[in-house]
């Protein structure tokens, strides 16, 4: 993939994130005075697309964003295990912890073994901390839908990062890592979309939706 084609893909991914955000933002239009601001999540996702594009070209940025992506996923999933009402959302969160712990451990092993030179972050950046704060502040009735909304956007970002680096990255071990992880992230992306669409269908038919399922 040429760099020109890659950045065209970035533009398409940006539009996909906007589409993901429209549903979540519309659902929370009457909560603008609450501490949780869905618009912040959508804006954060847009910023993430840009950093994912840079990460595909820079090994240092790739390492940073891949590591922080895993940390965010694990922390958000632990929150979901405690607060989610829908058992399918809890099952999704369990999968996130298992899969992102595995990819995090793999990335650490590449650094520890000397196959890749670099330093991994030990804490989240302000953007991802803000996403967790927004999730933490979500009302109980809205938590499941808010979590899945964030997951759709976060996995679009992670998928762009992995697919980009495997195509145009410079370090062979990391390209192989990105290729392996991209397949898992693709599955996560599809699963999150299925949960989100099921929630939309429940609400359209008068069902409880993600937030109200037991």
Foldseek 3Di string as FASTA:
>chain_A
DDLVVLVVVLVVLLVVLVVLLVVVQVVCVVPCVFPQHSVLLSVLLNVLSVLLSVLLADVASLQALLLQLLVLLLVLLVVCCVQFDDVLLVVLSVVSNVLSVVLNVVSVVCCVVVLDPYDYDPDHDPSSVSLVVSLVRDPSLCNSLSSLSSQLSSLSSLLSNLVSNLVNNDRVVSVVSSVVVNVVSVVSNVSSVVLNVVQVVCVVVVHSGRSGHD
